[in-house]
PDB file of all heavy atoms in Angstrom:
ATOM      1  N   GLY A   1     -53.736 -38.158 -25.719  1.00  0.00           N
ATOM      2  CA  GLY A   1     -53.879 -38.372 -24.286  1.00  0.00           C
ATOM      3  C   GLY A   1     -55.305 -38.658 -23.865  1.00  0.00           C
ATOM      4  O   GLY A   1     -56.189 -38.934 -24.687  1.00  0.00           O
ATOM      5  N   ALA A   2     -55.509 -38.586 -22.561  1.00  0.00           N
ATOM      6  CA  ALA A   2     -56.828 -38.817 -21.979  1.00  0.00           C
ATOM      7  C   ALA A   2     -56.890 -38.152 -20.616  1.00  0.00           C
ATOM      8  O   ALA A   2     -55.874 -38.055 -19.910  1.00  0.00           O
ATOM      9  CB  ALA A   2     -57.107 -40.314 -21.845  1.00  0.00           C
ATOM     10  N   ARG A   3     -58.074 -37.690 -20.263  1.00  0.00           N
ATOM     11  CA  ARG A   3     -58.344 -37.180 -18.913  1.00  0.00           C
ATOM     12  C   ARG A   3     -59.617 -37.851 -18.432  1.00  0.00           C
ATOM     13  O   ARG A   3     -60.649 -37.774 -19.109  1.00  0.00           O
ATOM     14  CB  ARG A   3     -58.519 -35.663 -18.906  1.00  0.00           C
ATOM     15  CG  ARG A   3     -57.251 -34.885 -19.129  1.00  0.00           C
ATOM     16  CD  ARG A   3     -57.390 -33.440 -18.649  1.00  0.00           C
ATOM     17  NE  ARG A   3     -58.512 -32.765 -19.265  1.00  0.00           N
ATOM     18  CZ  ARG A   3     -58.434 -31.992 -20.349  1.00  0.00           C
ATOM     19  NH1 ARG A   3     -57.266 -31.820 -20.953  1.00  0.00           N
ATOM     20  NH2 ARG A   3     -59.497 -31.410 -20.845  1.00  0.00           N
ATOM     21  N   PHE A   4     -59.548 -38.501 -17.280  1.00  0.00           N
ATOM     22  CA  PHE A   4     -60.730 -39.208 -16.811  1.00  0.00           C
ATOM     23  C   PHE A   4     -60.666 -39.450 -15.309  1.00  0.00           C
ATOM     24  O   PHE A   4     -59.613 -39.326 -14.677  1.00  0.00           O
ATOM     25  CB  PHE A   4     -60.903 -40.541 -17.554  1.00  0.00           C
ATOM     26  CG  PHE A   4     -59.740 -41.500 -17.444  1.00  0.00           C
ATOM     27  CD1 PHE A   4     -59.755 -42.530 -16.512  1.00  0.00           C
ATOM     28  CD2 PHE A   4     -58.638 -41.383 -18.278  1.00  0.00           C
ATOM     29  CE1 PHE A   4     -58.698 -43.416 -16.412  1.00  0.00           C
ATOM     30  CE2 PHE A   4     -57.582 -42.274 -18.192  1.00  0.00           C
ATOM     31  CZ  PHE A   4     -57.603 -43.297 -17.263  1.00  0.00           C
ATOM     32  N   THR A   5     -61.814 -39.782 -14.774  1.00  0.00           N
ATOM     33  CA  THR A   5     -61.926 -40.195 -13.375  1.00  0.00           C
ATOM     34  C   THR A   5     -62.118 -41.703 -13.353  1.00  0.00           C
ATOM     35  O   THR A   5     -62.934 -42.245 -14.096  1.00  0.00           O
ATOM     36  CB  THR A   5     -63.120 -39.510 -12.690  1.00  0.00           C
ATOM     37  OG1 THR A   5     -62.905 -38.094 -12.719  1.00  0.00           O
ATOM     38  CG2 THR A   5     -63.258 -39.973 -11.253  1.00  0.00           C
ATOM     39  N   ARG A   6     -61.343 -42.359 -12.517  1.00  0.00           N
ATOM     40  CA  ARG A   6     -61.452 -43.813 -12.351  1.00  0.00           C
ATOM     41  C   ARG A   6     -61.985 -44.127 -10.960  1.00  0.00           C
ATOM     42  O   ARG A   6     -61.445 -43.654  -9.956  1.00  0.00           O
ATOM     43  CB  ARG A   6     -60.101 -44.482 -12.556  1.00  0.00           C
ATOM     44  CG  ARG A   6     -60.046 -45.940 -12.083  1.00  0.00           C
ATOM     45  CD  ARG A   6     -58.811 -46.652 -12.572  1.00  0.00           C
ATOM     46  NE  ARG A   6     -58.886 -46.867 -14.021  1.00  0.00           N
ATOM     47  CZ  ARG A   6     -57.903 -47.410 -14.736  1.00  0.00           C
ATOM     48  NH1 ARG A   6     -56.774 -47.765 -14.142  1.00  0.00           N
ATOM     49  NH2 ARG A   6     -58.049 -47.573 -16.039  1.00  0.00           N
ATOM     50  N   ARG A   7     -63.047 -44.923 -10.934  1.00  0.00           N
ATOM     51  CA  ARG A   7     -63.504 -45.512  -9.673  1.00  0.00           C
ATOM     52  C   ARG A   7     -63.086 -46.976  -9.712  1.00  0.00           C
ATOM     53  O   ARG A   7     -63.501 -47.716 -10.603  1.00  0.00           O
ATOM     54  CB  ARG A   7     -65.014 -45.369  -9.516  1.00  0.00           C
ATOM     55  CG  ARG A   7     -65.423 -43.916  -9.276  1.00  0.00           C
ATOM     56  CD  ARG A   7     -66.913 -43.737  -9.171  1.00  0.00           C
ATOM     57  NE  ARG A   7     -67.565 -43.882 -10.479  1.00  0.00           N
ATOM     58  CZ  ARG A   7     -68.867 -43.738 -10.675  1.00  0.00           C
ATOM     59  NH1 ARG A   7     -69.668 -43.463  -9.658  1.00  0.00           N
ATOM     60  NH2 ARG A   7     -69.380 -43.863 -11.896  1.00  0.00           N
ATOM     61  N   ALA A   8     -62.219 -47.364  -8.776  1.00  0.00           N
ATOM     62  CA  ALA A   8     -61.623 -48.704  -8.814  1.00  0.00           C
ATOM     63  C   ALA A   8     -61.934 -49.464  -7.539  1.00  0.00           C
ATOM     64  O   ALA A   8     -61.967 -48.899  -6.446  1.00  0.00           O
ATOM     65  CB  ALA A   8     -60.112 -48.592  -9.002  1.00  0.00           C
ATOM     66  N   ALA A   9     -62.151 -50.760  -7.714  1.00  0.00           N
ATOM     67  CA  ALA A   9     -62.439 -51.633  -6.570  1.00  0.00           C
ATOM     68  C   ALA A   9     -61.696 -52.943  -6.743  1.00  0.00           C
ATOM     69  O   ALA A   9     -61.682 -53.520  -7.837  1.00  0.00           O
ATOM     70  CB  ALA A   9     -63.935 -51.901  -6.472  1.00  0.00           C
ATOM     71  N   GLU A  10     -61.066 -53.422  -5.681  1.00  0.00           N
ATOM     72  CA  GLU A  10     -60.468 -54.754  -5.703  1.00  0.00           C
ATOM     73  C   GLU A  10     -61.506 -55.744  -5.197  1.00  0.00           C
ATOM     74  O   GLU A  10     -62.024 -55.597  -4.089  1.00  0.00           O
ATOM     75  CB  GLU A  10     -59.206 -54.811  -4.839  1.00  0.00           C
ATOM     76  CG  GLU A  10     -58.458 -56.117  -4.998  1.00  0.00           C
ATOM     77  CD  GLU A  10     -57.077 -56.090  -4.377  1.00  0.00           C
ATOM     78  OE1 GLU A  10     -56.183 -55.428  -4.946  1.00  0.00           O
ATOM     79  OE2 GLU A  10     -56.914 -56.721  -3.312  1.00  0.00           O
ATOM     80  N   LEU A  11     -61.804 -56.722  -6.029  1.00  0.00           N
ATOM     81  CA  LEU A  11     -62.846 -57.693  -5.721  1.00  0.00           C
ATOM     82  C   LEU A  11     -62.258 -59.092  -5.733  1.00  0.00           C
ATOM     83  O   LEU A  11     -61.264 -59.354  -6.430  1.00  0.00           O
ATOM     84  CB  LEU A  11     -63.980 -57.599  -6.745  1.00  0.00           C
ATOM     85  CG  LEU A  11     -64.633 -56.225  -6.935  1.00  0.00           C
ATOM     86  CD1 LEU A  11     -65.627 -56.264  -8.086  1.00  0.00           C
ATOM     87  CD2 LEU A  11     -65.318 -55.769  -5.642  1.00  0.00           C
ATOM     88  N   SER A  12     -62.881 -59.998  -4.999  1.00  0.00           N
ATOM     89  CA  SER A  12     -62.391 -61.379  -4.916  1.00  0.00           C
ATOM     90  C   SER A  12     -63.506 -62.367  -5.240  1.00  0.00           C
ATOM     91  O   SER A  12     -64.038 -63.047  -4.351  1.00  0.00           O
ATOM     92  CB  SER A  12     -61.819 -61.653  -3.523  1.00  0.00           C
ATOM     93  OG  SER A  12     -60.716 -60.822  -3.260  1.00  0.00           O
ATOM     94  N   PRO A  13     -63.888 -62.444  -6.525  1.00  0.00           N
ATOM     95  CA  PRO A  13     -64.811 -63.503  -6.909  1.00  0.00           C
ATOM     96  C   PRO A  13     -64.132 -64.858  -6.738  1.00  0.00           C
ATOM     97  O   PRO A  13     -62.919 -64.923  -6.501  1.00  0.00           O
ATOM     98  CB  PRO A  13     -65.107 -63.196  -8.382  1.00  0.00           C
ATOM     99  CG  PRO A  13     -63.925 -62.426  -8.852  1.00  0.00           C
ATOM    100  CD  PRO A  13     -63.435 -61.643  -7.667  1.00  0.00           C
ATOM    101  N   GLU A  14     -64.881 -65.924  -6.860  1.00  0.00           N
ATOM    102  CA  GLU A  14     -64.330 -67.252  -6.607  1.00  0.00           C
ATOM    103  C   GLU A  14     -63.133 -67.538  -7.510  1.00  0.00           C
ATOM    104  O   GLU A  14     -63.184 -67.388  -8.727  1.00  0.00           O
ATOM    105  CB  GLU A  14     -65.407 -68.313  -6.860  1.00  0.00           C
ATOM    106  CG  GLU A  14     -64.957 -69.726  -6.511  1.00  0.00           C
ATOM    107  CD  GLU A  14     -66.056 -70.749  -6.641  1.00  0.00           C
ATOM    108  OE1 GLU A  14     -67.205 -70.358  -6.915  1.00  0.00           O
ATOM    109  OE2 GLU A  14     -65.765 -71.939  -6.475  1.00  0.00           O
ATOM    110  N   GLY A  15     -62.010 -67.881  -6.890  1.00  0.00           N
ATOM    111  CA  GLY A  15     -60.839 -68.332  -7.624  1.00  0.00           C
ATOM    112  C   GLY A  15     -59.857 -67.266  -8.050  1.00  0.00           C
ATOM    113  O   GLY A  15     -58.828 -67.596  -8.653  1.00  0.00           O
ATOM    114  N   CYS A  16     -60.120 -66.002  -7.755  1.00  0.00           N
ATOM    115  CA  CYS A  16     -59.206 -64.960  -8.239  1.00  0.00           C
ATOM    116  C   CYS A  16     -59.436 -63.650  -7.500  1.00  0.00           C
ATOM    117  O   CYS A  16     -60.398 -63.495  -6.758  1.00  0.00           O
ATOM    118  CB  CYS A  16     -59.389 -64.729  -9.741  1.00  0.00           C
ATOM    119  SG  CYS A  16     -61.033 -64.085 -10.170  1.00  0.00           S
ATOM    120  N   THR A  17     -58.536 -62.717  -7.741  1.00  0.00           N
ATOM    121  CA  THR A  17     -58.708 -61.328  -7.330  1.00  0.00           C
ATOM    122  C   THR A  17     -58.599 -60.469  -8.576  1.00  0.00           C
ATOM    123  O   THR A  17     -57.707 -60.689  -9.413  1.00  0.00           O
ATOM    124  CB  THR A  17     -57.638 -60.902  -6.308  1.00  0.00           C
ATOM    125  OG1 THR A  17     -57.725 -61.748  -5.161  1.00  0.00           O
ATOM    126  CG2 THR A  17     -57.833 -59.451  -5.882  1.00  0.00           C
ATOM    127  N   VAL A  18     -59.496 -59.497  -8.720  1.00  0.00           N
ATOM    128  CA  VAL A  18     -59.493 -58.609  -9.882  1.00  0.00           C
ATOM    129  C   VAL A  18     -59.630 -57.165  -9.423  1.00  0.00           C
ATOM    130  O   VAL A  18     -60.084 -56.899  -8.302  1.00  0.00           O
ATOM    131  CB  VAL A  18     -60.649 -58.927 -10.865  1.00  0.00           C
ATOM    132  CG1 VAL A  18     -60.543 -60.349 -11.376  1.00  0.00           C
ATOM    133  CG2 VAL A  18     -62.001 -58.677 -10.224  1.00  0.00           C
ATOM    134  N   GLU A  19     -59.242 -56.243 -10.301  1.00  0.00           N
ATOM    135  CA  GLU A  19     -59.581 -54.836 -10.111  1.00  0.00           C
ATOM    136  C   GLU A  19     -60.659 -54.482 -11.114  1.00  0.00           C
ATOM    137  O   GLU A  19     -60.494 -54.694 -12.313  1.00  0.00           O
ATOM    138  CB  GLU A  19     -58.382 -53.924 -10.315  1.00  0.00           C
ATOM    139  CG  GLU A  19     -58.740 -52.447 -10.067  1.00  0.00           C
ATOM    140  CD  GLU A  19     -57.612 -51.497 -10.329  1.00  0.00           C
ATOM    141  OE1 GLU A  19     -57.325 -51.231 -11.518  1.00  0.00           O
ATOM    142  OE2 GLU A  19     -57.014 -51.021  -9.347  1.00  0.00           O
ATOM    143  N   LEU A  20     -61.764 -53.978 -10.605  1.00  0.00           N
ATOM    144  CA  LEU A  20     -62.832 -53.467 -11.449  1.00  0.00           C
ATOM    145  C   LEU A  20     -62.676 -51.960 -11.514  1.00  0.00           C
ATOM    146  O   LEU A  20     -62.691 -51.285 -10.482  1.00  0.00           O
ATOM    147  CB  LEU A  20     -64.197 -53.836 -10.862  1.00  0.00           C
ATOM    148  CG  LEU A  20     -65.427 -53.245 -11.546  1.00  0.00           C
ATOM    149  CD1 LEU A  20     -65.547 -53.740 -12.987  1.00  0.00           C
ATOM    150  CD2 LEU A  20     -66.688 -53.570 -10.754  1.00  0.00           C
ATOM    151  N   ALA A  21     -62.503 -51.414 -12.727  1.00  0.00           N
ATOM    152  CA  ALA A  21     -62.298 -49.975 -12.914  1.00  0.00           C
ATOM    153  C   ALA A  21     -63.415 -49.407 -13.772  1.00  0.00           C
ATOM    154  O   ALA A  21     -63.720 -49.950 -14.840  1.00  0.00           O
ATOM    155  CB  ALA A  21     -60.946 -49.702 -13.562  1.00  0.00           C
ATOM    156  N   LEU A  22     -64.009 -48.332 -13.301  1.00  0.00           N
ATOM    157  CA  LEU A  22     -65.058 -47.615 -14.018  1.00  0.00           C
ATOM    158  C   LEU A  22     -64.476 -46.268 -14.426  1.00  0.00           C
ATOM    159  O   LEU A  22     -64.224 -45.405 -13.577  1.00  0.00           O
ATOM    160  CB  LEU A  22     -66.289 -47.419 -13.128  1.00  0.00           C
ATOM    161  CG  LEU A  22     -66.787 -48.646 -12.358  1.00  0.00           C
ATOM    162  CD1 LEU A  22     -67.982 -48.271 -11.485  1.00  0.00           C
ATOM    163  CD2 LEU A  22     -67.140 -49.784 -13.303  1.00  0.00           C
ATOM    164  N   ASP A  23     -64.236 -46.073 -15.725  1.00  0.00           N
ATOM    165  CA  ASP A  23     -63.541 -44.884 -16.235  1.00  0.00           C
ATOM    166  C   ASP A  23     -64.494 -43.990 -17.020  1.00  0.00           C
ATOM    167  O   ASP A  23     -65.205 -44.470 -17.911  1.00  0.00           O
ATOM    168  CB  ASP A  23     -62.390 -45.288 -17.160  1.00  0.00           C
ATOM    169  CG  ASP A  23     -61.283 -46.034 -16.430  1.00  0.00           C
ATOM    170  OD1 ASP A  23     -61.268 -46.011 -15.184  1.00  0.00           O
ATOM    171  OD2 ASP A  23     -60.425 -46.627 -17.114  1.00  0.00           O
ATOM    172  N   GLN A  24     -64.462 -42.688 -16.693  1.00  0.00           N
ATOM    173  CA  GLN A  24     -65.311 -41.739 -17.426  1.00  0.00           C
ATOM    174  C   GLN A  24     -64.570 -40.423 -17.589  1.00  0.00           C
ATOM    175  O   GLN A  24     -64.022 -39.875 -16.628  1.00  0.00           O
ATOM    176  CB  GLN A  24     -66.630 -41.511 -16.692  1.00  0.00           C
ATOM    177  CG  GLN A  24     -67.628 -40.690 -17.485  1.00  0.00           C
ATOM    178  CD  GLN A  24     -69.027 -40.705 -16.870  1.00  0.00           C
ATOM    179  OE1 GLN A  24     -69.230 -41.199 -15.774  1.00  0.00           O
ATOM    180  NE2 GLN A  24     -69.984 -40.158 -17.587  1.00  0.00           N
ATOM    181  N   GLY A  25     -64.525 -39.908 -18.830  1.00  0.00           N
ATOM    182  CA  GLY A  25     -63.842 -38.647 -19.108  1.00  0.00           C
ATOM    183  C   GLY A  25     -63.763 -38.405 -20.593  1.00  0.00           C
ATOM    184  O   GLY A  25     -64.745 -38.624 -21.311  1.00  0.00           O
ATOM    185  N   ILE A  26     -62.575 -37.970 -21.074  1.00  0.00           N
ATOM    186  CA  ILE A  26     -62.413 -37.677 -22.503  1.00  0.00           C
ATOM    187  C   ILE A  26     -61.074 -38.209 -23.011  1.00  0.00           C
ATOM    188  O   ILE A  26     -60.097 -38.284 -22.275  1.00  0.00           O
ATOM    189  CB  ILE A  26     -62.503 -36.164 -22.811  1.00  0.00           C
ATOM    190  CG1 ILE A  26     -61.451 -35.372 -22.020  1.00  0.00           C
ATOM    191  CG2 ILE A  26     -63.903 -35.637 -22.559  1.00  0.00           C
ATOM    192  CD1 ILE A  26     -61.345 -33.913 -22.428  1.00  0.00           C
ATOM    193  N   LEU A  27     -61.077 -38.559 -24.300  1.00  0.00           N
ATOM    194  CA  LEU A  27     -59.862 -38.860 -25.037  1.00  0.00           C
ATOM    195  C   LEU A  27     -59.442 -37.609 -25.778  1.00  0.00           C
ATOM    196  O   LEU A  27     -60.280 -36.823 -26.237  1.00  0.00           O
ATOM    197  CB  LEU A  27     -60.104 -39.999 -26.028  1.00  0.00           C
ATOM    198  CG  LEU A  27     -60.526 -41.339 -25.422  1.00  0.00           C
ATOM    199  CD1 LEU A  27     -61.014 -42.275 -26.517  1.00  0.00           C
ATOM    200  CD2 LEU A  27     -59.377 -41.966 -24.645  1.00  0.00           C
ATOM    201  N   LEU A  28     -58.126 -37.407 -25.957  1.00  0.00           N
ATOM    202  CA  LEU A  28     -57.591 -36.192 -26.553  1.00  0.00           C
ATOM    203  C   LEU A  28     -56.669 -36.549 -27.713  1.00  0.00           C
ATOM    204  O   LEU A  28     -55.718 -37.320 -27.547  1.00  0.00           O
ATOM    205  CB  LEU A  28     -56.788 -35.402 -25.518  1.00  0.00           C
ATOM    206  CG  LEU A  28     -57.517 -35.070 -24.206  1.00  0.00           C
ATOM    207  CD1 LEU A  28     -56.521 -34.689 -23.125  1.00  0.00           C
ATOM    208  CD2 LEU A  28     -58.498 -33.951 -24.447  1.00  0.00           C
ATOM    209  N   GLY A  29     -56.954 -35.988 -28.892  1.00  0.00           N
ATOM    210  CA  GLY A  29     -56.090 -36.176 -30.056  1.00  0.00           C
ATOM    211  C   GLY A  29     -55.950 -34.862 -30.777  1.00  0.00           C
ATOM    212  O   GLY A  29     -56.862 -34.450 -31.489  1.00  0.00           O
ATOM    213  N   GLY A  30     -54.839 -34.150 -30.561  1.00  0.00           N
ATOM    214  CA  GLY A  30     -54.713 -32.790 -31.081  1.00  0.00           C
ATOM    215  C   GLY A  30     -55.754 -31.911 -30.417  1.00  0.00           C
ATOM    216  O   GLY A  30     -55.890 -31.894 -29.196  1.00  0.00           O
ATOM    217  N   SER A  31     -56.531 -31.199 -31.220  1.00  0.00           N
ATOM    218  CA  SER A  31     -57.603 -30.365 -30.652  1.00  0.00           C
ATOM    219  C   SER A  31     -58.931 -31.124 -30.579  1.00  0.00           C
ATOM    220  O   SER A  31     -59.934 -30.567 -30.159  1.00  0.00           O
ATOM    221  CB  SER A  31     -57.783 -29.103 -31.502  1.00  0.00           C
ATOM    222  OG  SER A  31     -58.209 -29.446 -32.820  1.00  0.00           O
ATOM    223  N   ARG A  32     -58.928 -32.380 -30.986  1.00  0.00           N
ATOM    224  CA  ARG A  32     -60.163 -33.173 -31.000  1.00  0.00           C
ATOM    225  C   ARG A  32     -60.325 -33.945 -29.699  1.00  0.00           C
ATOM    226  O   ARG A  32     -59.345 -34.381 -29.089  1.00  0.00           O
ATOM    227  CB  ARG A  32     -60.170 -34.133 -32.188  1.00  0.00           C
ATOM    228  CG  ARG A  32     -60.138 -33.408 -33.516  1.00  0.00           C
ATOM    229  CD  ARG A  32     -60.464 -34.317 -34.665  1.00  0.00           C
ATOM    230  NE  ARG A  32     -60.497 -33.563 -35.919  1.00  0.00           N
ATOM    231  CZ  ARG A  32     -61.006 -34.021 -37.042  1.00  0.00           C
ATOM    232  NH1 ARG A  32     -61.517 -35.237 -37.098  1.00  0.00           N
ATOM    233  NH2 ARG A  32     -60.998 -33.284 -38.130  1.00  0.00           N
ATOM    234  N   THR A  33     -61.574 -34.127 -29.324  1.00  0.00           N
ATOM    235  CA  THR A  33     -61.887 -34.902 -28.128  1.00  0.00           C
ATOM    236  C   THR A  33     -63.008 -35.892 -28.441  1.00  0.00           C
ATOM    237  O   THR A  33     -63.760 -35.713 -29.401  1.00  0.00           O
ATOM    238  CB  THR A  33     -62.328 -34.001 -26.957  1.00  0.00           C
ATOM    239  OG1 THR A  33     -63.547 -33.337 -27.316  1.00  0.00           O
ATOM    240  CG2 THR A  33     -61.264 -32.976 -26.613  1.00  0.00           C
ATOM    241  N   ALA A  34     -63.079 -36.927 -27.619  1.00  0.00           N
ATOM    242  CA  ALA A  34     -64.168 -37.904 -27.717  1.00  0.00           C
ATOM    243  C   ALA A  34     -64.482 -38.387 -26.311  1.00  0.00           C
ATOM    244  O   ALA A  34     -63.590 -38.460 -25.453  1.00  0.00           O
ATOM    245  CB  ALA A  34     -63.784 -39.074 -28.613  1.00  0.00           C
ATOM    246  N   ALA A  35     -65.737 -38.691 -26.079  1.00  0.00           N
ATOM    247  CA  ALA A  35     -66.148 -39.169 -24.762  1.00  0.00           C
ATOM    248  C   ALA A  35     -65.487 -40.516 -24.469  1.00  0.00           C
ATOM    249  O   ALA A  35     -65.328 -41.361 -25.341  1.00  0.00           O
ATOM    250  CB  ALA A  35     -67.664 -39.289 -24.692  1.00  0.00           C
ATOM    251  N   LEU A  36     -65.116 -40.695 -23.220  1.00  0.00           N
ATOM    252  CA  LEU A  36     -64.552 -41.955 -22.732  1.00  0.00           C
ATOM    253  C   LEU A  36     -65.451 -42.472 -21.622  1.00  0.00           C
ATOM    254  O   LEU A  36     -65.700 -41.774 -20.629  1.00  0.00           O
ATOM    255  CB  LEU A  36     -63.140 -41.728 -22.200  1.00  0.00           C
ATOM    256  CG  LEU A  36     -62.515 -42.853 -21.365  1.00  0.00           C
ATOM    257  CD1 LEU A  36     -62.322 -44.101 -22.224  1.00  0.00           C
ATOM    258  CD2 LEU A  36     -61.194 -42.406 -20.773  1.00  0.00           C
ATOM    259  N   CYS A  37     -65.956 -43.681 -21.789  1.00  0.00           N
ATOM    260  CA  CYS A  37     -66.818 -44.293 -20.782  1.00  0.00           C
ATOM    261  C   CYS A  37     -66.650 -45.802 -20.924  1.00  0.00           C
ATOM    262  O   CYS A  37     -67.132 -46.391 -21.897  1.00  0.00           O
ATOM    263  CB  CYS A  37     -68.276 -43.872 -21.007  1.00  0.00           C
ATOM    264  SG  CYS A  37     -69.361 -44.195 -19.612  1.00  0.00           S
ATOM    265  N   GLU A  38     -65.927 -46.423 -19.997  1.00  0.00           N
ATOM    266  CA  GLU A  38     -65.639 -47.839 -20.156  1.00  0.00           C
ATOM    267  C   GLU A  38     -65.412 -48.531 -18.817  1.00  0.00           C
ATOM    268  O   GLU A  38     -65.206 -47.894 -17.784  1.00  0.00           O
ATOM    269  CB  GLU A  38     -64.437 -48.055 -21.074  1.00  0.00           C
ATOM    270  CG  GLU A  38     -63.129 -47.577 -20.512  1.00  0.00           C
ATOM    271  CD  GLU A  38     -61.981 -47.713 -21.509  1.00  0.00           C
ATOM    272  OE1 GLU A  38     -62.231 -47.721 -22.725  1.00  0.00           O
ATOM    273  OE2 GLU A  38     -60.829 -47.809 -21.050  1.00  0.00           O
ATOM    274  N   VAL A  39     -65.434 -49.856 -18.894  1.00  0.00           N
ATOM    275  CA  VAL A  39     -65.237 -50.733 -17.743  1.00  0.00           C
ATOM    276  C   VAL A  39     -64.030 -51.617 -18.031  1.00  0.00           C
ATOM    277  O   VAL A  39     -63.913 -52.171 -19.120  1.00  0.00           O
ATOM    278  CB  VAL A  39     -66.483 -51.617 -17.510  1.00  0.00           C
ATOM    279  CG1 VAL A  39     -66.246 -52.597 -16.361  1.00  0.00           C
ATOM    280  CG2 VAL A  39     -67.710 -50.757 -17.256  1.00  0.00           C
ATOM    281  N   GLU A  40     -63.143 -51.738 -17.047  1.00  0.00           N
ATOM    282  CA  GLU A  40     -62.023 -52.665 -17.170  1.00  0.00           C
ATOM    283  C   GLU A  40     -62.072 -53.672 -16.021  1.00  0.00           C
ATOM    284  O   GLU A  40     -62.345 -53.296 -14.871  1.00  0.00           O
ATOM    285  CB  GLU A  40     -60.685 -51.922 -17.114  1.00  0.00           C
ATOM    286  CG  GLU A  40     -60.406 -51.024 -18.297  1.00  0.00           C
ATOM    287  CD  GLU A  40     -59.055 -50.348 -18.211  1.00  0.00           C
ATOM    288  OE1 GLU A  40     -58.306 -50.611 -17.240  1.00  0.00           O
ATOM    289  OE2 GLU A  40     -58.744 -49.550 -19.109  1.00  0.00           O
ATOM    290  N   VAL A  41     -61.808 -54.919 -16.338  1.00  0.00           N
ATOM    291  CA  VAL A  41     -61.641 -55.958 -15.323  1.00  0.00           C
ATOM    292  C   VAL A  41     -60.232 -56.497 -15.501  1.00  0.00           C
ATOM    293  O   VAL A  41     -59.913 -57.121 -16.511  1.00  0.00           O
ATOM    294  CB  VAL A  41     -62.673 -57.093 -15.484  1.00  0.00           C
ATOM    295  CG1 VAL A  41     -62.422 -58.179 -14.430  1.00  0.00           C
ATOM    296  CG2 VAL A  41     -64.091 -56.556 -15.363  1.00  0.00           C
ATOM    297  N   GLU A  42     -59.356 -56.228 -14.530  1.00  0.00           N
ATOM    298  CA  GLU A  42     -57.951 -56.635 -14.619  1.00  0.00           C
ATOM    299  C   GLU A  42     -57.653 -57.741 -13.624  1.00  0.00           C
ATOM    300  O   GLU A  42     -57.923 -57.616 -12.425  1.00  0.00           O
ATOM    301  CB  GLU A  42     -57.029 -55.450 -14.370  1.00  0.00           C
ATOM    302  CG  GLU A  42     -55.558 -55.813 -14.492  1.00  0.00           C
ATOM    303  CD  GLU A  42     -54.620 -54.638 -14.307  1.00  0.00           C
ATOM    304  OE1 GLU A  42     -55.101 -53.493 -14.242  1.00  0.00           O
ATOM    305  OE2 GLU A  42     -53.392 -54.871 -14.233  1.00  0.00           O
ATOM    306  N   HIS A  43     -57.096 -58.820 -14.118  1.00  0.00           N
ATOM    307  CA  HIS A  43     -56.682 -59.941 -13.275  1.00  0.00           C
ATOM    308  C   HIS A  43     -55.515 -59.508 -12.392  1.00  0.00           C
ATOM    309  O   HIS A  43     -54.540 -58.929 -12.872  1.00  0.00           O
ATOM    310  CB  HIS A  43     -56.258 -61.104 -14.180  1.00  0.00           C
ATOM    311  CG  HIS A  43     -55.587 -62.219 -13.458  1.00  0.00           C
ATOM    312  ND1 HIS A  43     -54.231 -62.435 -13.514  1.00  0.00           N
ATOM    313  CD2 HIS A  43     -56.094 -63.188 -12.660  1.00  0.00           C
ATOM    314  CE1 HIS A  43     -53.917 -63.491 -12.796  1.00  0.00           C
ATOM    315  NE2 HIS A  43     -55.025 -63.981 -12.269  1.00  0.00           N
TER     316      HIS A  43
END
């Protein structure tokens, strides 16, 4: 699994609309964790 906070914005650059998502938290695999810090641009 994963636990994180997402800051999301709908933006309209020329020719399209996208969602910009800024994700920060942790990934979960059994008792192990890893930092999660990433950017997504979704059409």
